Amino acid sequence: MGGKASGEARRRKKSMKQKLQAILELPAQGEDYDAAAAMGVDGDIDNEIAMLIGLYLKAKAGDVAAVKEIRSILGKDAASAELALRQKELALKEAGKDTSTAVLEKLDEVLGGIKSGF
């Protein structure tokens, strides 16, 4: 029974993901369209752009969670930097190089990039 329930849950999640993607691809209308156009967005203005503008406006107003989400989307958060560092360390290990010096150099590089992003 657990396998059937798990499969059903996966199908439901997939269906919801597809439906949400379809909604985000629809053209924005009304206030959402007007706000995007006022910001200078050219071309097709869809609901995804409207959602991102809403997130941007929250961040601009000082919502820390919105700022963190934007940094996450852009790949400029600490988790992304840590993942990149771990991937580099793994690549060095596979190449048979001494990782301690290389990892410290890469860490300095990543931390410098994070500090300059603020």
C-alpha atoms as a PDB file:
ATOM      1  CA  MET A   1       0.000   0.000   0.000  1.00  0.00           C
ATOM      2  CA  GLY A   2       2.873   2.362   0.767  1.00  0.00           C
ATOM      3  CA  GLY A   3       4.245   2.026  -2.759  1.00  0.00           C
ATOM      4  CA  LYS A   4       0.886   2.880  -4.300  1.00  0.00           C
ATOM      5  CA  ALA A   5       0.465   5.902  -2.041  1.00  0.00           C
ATOM      6  CA  SER A   6       3.994   7.064  -2.824  1.00  0.00           C
ATOM      7  CA  GLY A   7       3.396   6.783  -6.566  1.00  0.00           C
ATOM      8  CA  GLU A   8       0.123   8.663  -6.257  1.00  0.00           C
ATOM      9  CA  ALA A   9       1.789  11.427  -4.254  1.00  0.00           C
ATOM     10  CA  ARG A  10       4.556  11.743  -6.875  1.00  0.00           C
ATOM     11  CA  ARG A  11       1.976  11.992  -9.655  1.00  0.00           C
ATOM     12  CA  ARG A  12       0.050  14.643  -7.715  1.00  0.00           C
ATOM     13  CA  LYS A  13       3.214  16.700  -7.152  1.00  0.00           C
ATOM     14  CA  LYS A  14       4.171  16.408 -10.815  1.00  0.00           C
ATOM     15  CA  SER A  15       0.680  17.479 -11.860  1.00  0.00           C
ATOM     16  CA  MET A  16       0.776  20.478  -9.496  1.00  0.00           C
ATOM     17  CA  LYS A  17       4.205  21.475 -10.818  1.00  0.00           C
ATOM     18  CA  GLN A  18       2.929  21.344 -14.404  1.00  0.00           C
ATOM     19  CA  LYS A  19      -0.162  23.380 -13.520  1.00  0.00           C
ATOM     20  CA  LEU A  20       1.890  26.000 -11.688  1.00  0.00           C
ATOM     21  CA  GLN A  21       4.281  26.260 -14.639  1.00  0.00           C
ATOM     22  CA  ALA A  22       1.293  26.776 -16.947  1.00  0.00           C
ATOM     23  CA  ILE A  23      -0.033  29.557 -14.692  1.00  0.00           C
ATOM     24  CA  LEU A  24       3.361  31.266 -14.555  1.00  0.00           C
ATOM     25  CA  GLU A  25       3.587  31.220 -18.363  1.00  0.00           C
ATOM     26  CA  LEU A  26       0.231  32.973 -18.824  1.00  0.00           C
ATOM     27  CA  PRO A  27       0.363  36.663 -19.775  1.00  0.00           C
ATOM     28  CA  ALA A  28       0.191  39.045 -16.823  1.00  0.00           C
ATOM     29  CA  GLN A  29      -2.852  41.269 -16.692  1.00  0.00           C
ATOM     30  CA  GLY A  30      -4.120  44.335 -14.894  1.00  0.00           C
ATOM     31  CA  GLU A  31      -1.961  45.722 -12.084  1.00  0.00           C
ATOM     32  CA  ASP A  32       0.702  43.054 -12.587  1.00  0.00           C
ATOM     33  CA  TYR A  33       1.149  44.007 -16.241  1.00  0.00           C
ATOM     34  CA  ASP A  34       1.074  47.732 -15.449  1.00  0.00           C
ATOM     35  CA  ALA A  35       3.701  47.381 -12.692  1.00  0.00           C
ATOM     36  CA  ALA A  36       6.054  45.452 -14.975  1.00  0.00           C
ATOM     37  CA  ALA A  37       5.597  47.910 -17.830  1.00  0.00           C
ATOM     38  CA  ALA A  38       6.203  50.842 -15.464  1.00  0.00           C
ATOM     39  CA  MET A  39       9.497  49.245 -14.424  1.00  0.00           C
ATOM     40  CA  GLY A  40      10.538  49.092 -18.075  1.00  0.00           C
ATOM     41  CA  VAL A  41      10.108  45.371 -18.725  1.00  0.00           C
ATOM     42  CA  ASP A  42      10.086  44.841 -22.476  1.00  0.00           C
ATOM     43  CA  GLY A  43       8.518  42.026 -24.455  1.00  0.00           C
ATOM     44  CA  ASP A  44       6.136  39.448 -23.104  1.00  0.00           C
ATOM     45  CA  ILE A  45       5.157  40.088 -19.499  1.00  0.00           C
ATOM     46  CA  ASP A  46       4.031  36.829 -17.953  1.00  0.00           C
ATOM     47  CA  ASN A  47       2.979  35.905 -14.436  1.00  0.00           C
ATOM     48  CA  GLU A  48       6.487  34.678 -13.615  1.00  0.00           C
ATOM     49  CA  ILE A  49       7.870  38.146 -14.251  1.00  0.00           C
ATOM     50  CA  ALA A  50       5.044  39.637 -12.192  1.00  0.00           C
ATOM     51  CA  MET A  51       5.882  37.267  -9.330  1.00  0.00           C
ATOM     52  CA  LEU A  52       9.577  38.161  -9.480  1.00  0.00           C
ATOM     53  CA  ILE A  53       8.722  41.864  -9.475  1.00  0.00           C
ATOM     54  CA  GLY A  54       6.609  41.308  -6.361  1.00  0.00           C
ATOM     55  CA  LEU A  55       9.537  39.536  -4.720  1.00  0.00           C
ATOM     56  CA  TYR A  56      11.861  42.377  -5.743  1.00  0.00           C
ATOM     57  CA  LEU A  57       9.494  44.998  -4.321  1.00  0.00           C
ATOM     58  CA  LYS A  58       9.307  43.134  -0.999  1.00  0.00           C
ATOM     59  CA  ALA A  59      13.102  42.965  -0.841  1.00  0.00           C
ATOM     60  CA  LYS A  60      13.356  46.634  -1.716  1.00  0.00           C
ATOM     61  CA  ALA A  61      10.984  47.432   1.155  1.00  0.00           C
ATOM     62  CA  GLY A  62      13.313  45.628   3.559  1.00  0.00           C
ATOM     63  CA  ASP A  63      11.882  42.100   3.726  1.00  0.00           C
ATOM     64  CA  VAL A  64      14.958  40.045   4.648  1.00  0.00           C
ATOM     65  CA  ALA A  65      13.353  36.757   3.580  1.00  0.00           C
ATOM     66  CA  ALA A  66      12.739  38.226   0.118  1.00  0.00           C
ATOM     67  CA  VAL A  67      16.369  39.374  -0.102  1.00  0.00           C
ATOM     68  CA  LYS A  68      17.538  35.878   0.828  1.00  0.00           C
ATOM     69  CA  GLU A  69      15.250  34.316  -1.772  1.00  0.00           C
ATOM     70  CA  ILE A  70      16.568  36.633  -4.483  1.00  0.00           C
ATOM     71  CA  ARG A  71      20.148  35.796  -3.525  1.00  0.00           C
ATOM     72  CA  SER A  72      19.231  32.119  -3.645  1.00  0.00           C
ATOM     73  CA  ILE A  73      17.675  32.450  -7.096  1.00  0.00           C
ATOM     74  CA  LEU A  74      20.761  34.267  -8.337  1.00  0.00           C
ATOM     75  CA  GLY A  75      23.071  31.687  -6.775  1.00  0.00           C
ATOM     76  CA  LYS A  76      24.746  34.239  -4.525  1.00  0.00           C
ATOM     77  CA  ASP A  77      23.801  32.729  -1.190  1.00  0.00           C
ATOM     78  CA  ALA A  78      26.111  30.953   1.240  1.00  0.00           C
ATOM     79  CA  ALA A  79      24.670  27.525   0.392  1.00  0.00           C
ATOM     80  CA  SER A  80      25.514  27.964  -3.298  1.00  0.00           C
ATOM     81  CA  ALA A  81      29.014  29.118  -2.414  1.00  0.00           C
ATOM     82  CA  GLU A  82      29.507  26.146  -0.098  1.00  0.00           C
ATOM     83  CA  LEU A  83      28.279  23.744  -2.781  1.00  0.00           C
ATOM     84  CA  ALA A  84      30.686  25.236  -5.313  1.00  0.00           C
ATOM     85  CA  LEU A  85      33.516  24.866  -2.812  1.00  0.00           C
ATOM     86  CA  ARG A  86      32.662  21.216  -2.133  1.00  0.00           C
ATOM     87  CA  GLN A  87      32.484  20.482  -5.859  1.00  0.00           C
ATOM     88  CA  LYS A  88      35.898  22.074  -6.378  1.00  0.00           C
ATOM     89  CA  GLU A  89      37.338  20.071  -3.477  1.00  0.00           C
ATOM     90  CA  LEU A  90      35.951  16.852  -4.936  1.00  0.00           C
ATOM     91  CA  ALA A  91      37.389  17.660  -8.356  1.00  0.00           C
ATOM     92  CA  LEU A  92      40.793  18.276  -6.783  1.00  0.00           C
ATOM     93  CA  LYS A  93      40.625  15.005  -4.862  1.00  0.00           C
ATOM     94  CA  GLU A  94      39.745  13.129  -8.040  1.00  0.00           C
ATOM     95  CA  ALA A  95      42.683  14.781  -9.792  1.00  0.00           C
ATOM     96  CA  GLY A  96      44.944  13.608  -6.940  1.00  0.00           C
ATOM     97  CA  LYS A  97      46.047  17.077  -5.875  1.00  0.00           C
ATOM     98  CA  ASP A  98      46.677  18.248  -2.333  1.00  0.00           C
ATOM     99  CA  THR A  99      43.369  19.784  -1.386  1.00  0.00           C
ATOM    100  CA  SER A 100      44.260  21.706   1.764  1.00  0.00           C
ATOM    101  CA  THR A 101      46.013  24.622   0.042  1.00  0.00           C
ATOM    102  CA  ALA A 102      43.713  24.634  -2.969  1.00  0.00           C
ATOM    103  CA  VAL A 103      40.595  24.556  -0.802  1.00  0.00           C
ATOM    104  CA  LEU A 104      41.809  27.443   1.336  1.00  0.00           C
ATOM    105  CA  GLU A 105      42.541  29.473  -1.798  1.00  0.00           C
ATOM    106  CA  LYS A 106      39.103  28.701  -3.220  1.00  0.00           C
ATOM    107  CA  LEU A 107      37.450  29.531   0.119  1.00  0.00           C
ATOM    108  CA  ASP A 108      39.154  32.931   0.119  1.00  0.00           C
ATOM    109  CA  GLU A 109      37.935  33.478  -3.442  1.00  0.00           C
ATOM    110  CA  VAL A 110      34.334  32.470  -2.628  1.00  0.00           C
ATOM    111  CA  LEU A 111      34.185  34.498   0.575  1.00  0.00           C
ATOM    112  CA  GLY A 112      35.583  37.505  -1.258  1.00  0.00           C
ATOM    113  CA  GLY A 113      32.816  37.137  -3.838  1.00  0.00           C
ATOM    114  CA  ILE A 114      30.143  36.912  -1.147  1.00  0.00           C
ATOM    115  CA  LYS A 115      31.471  40.008   0.650  1.00  0.00           C
ATOM    116  CA  SER A 116      31.579  41.990  -2.598  1.00  0.00           C
ATOM    117  CA  GLY A 117      27.933  41.021  -3.280  1.00  0.00           C
ATOM    118  CA  PHE A 118      26.731  43.127  -0.357  1.00  0.00           C
END
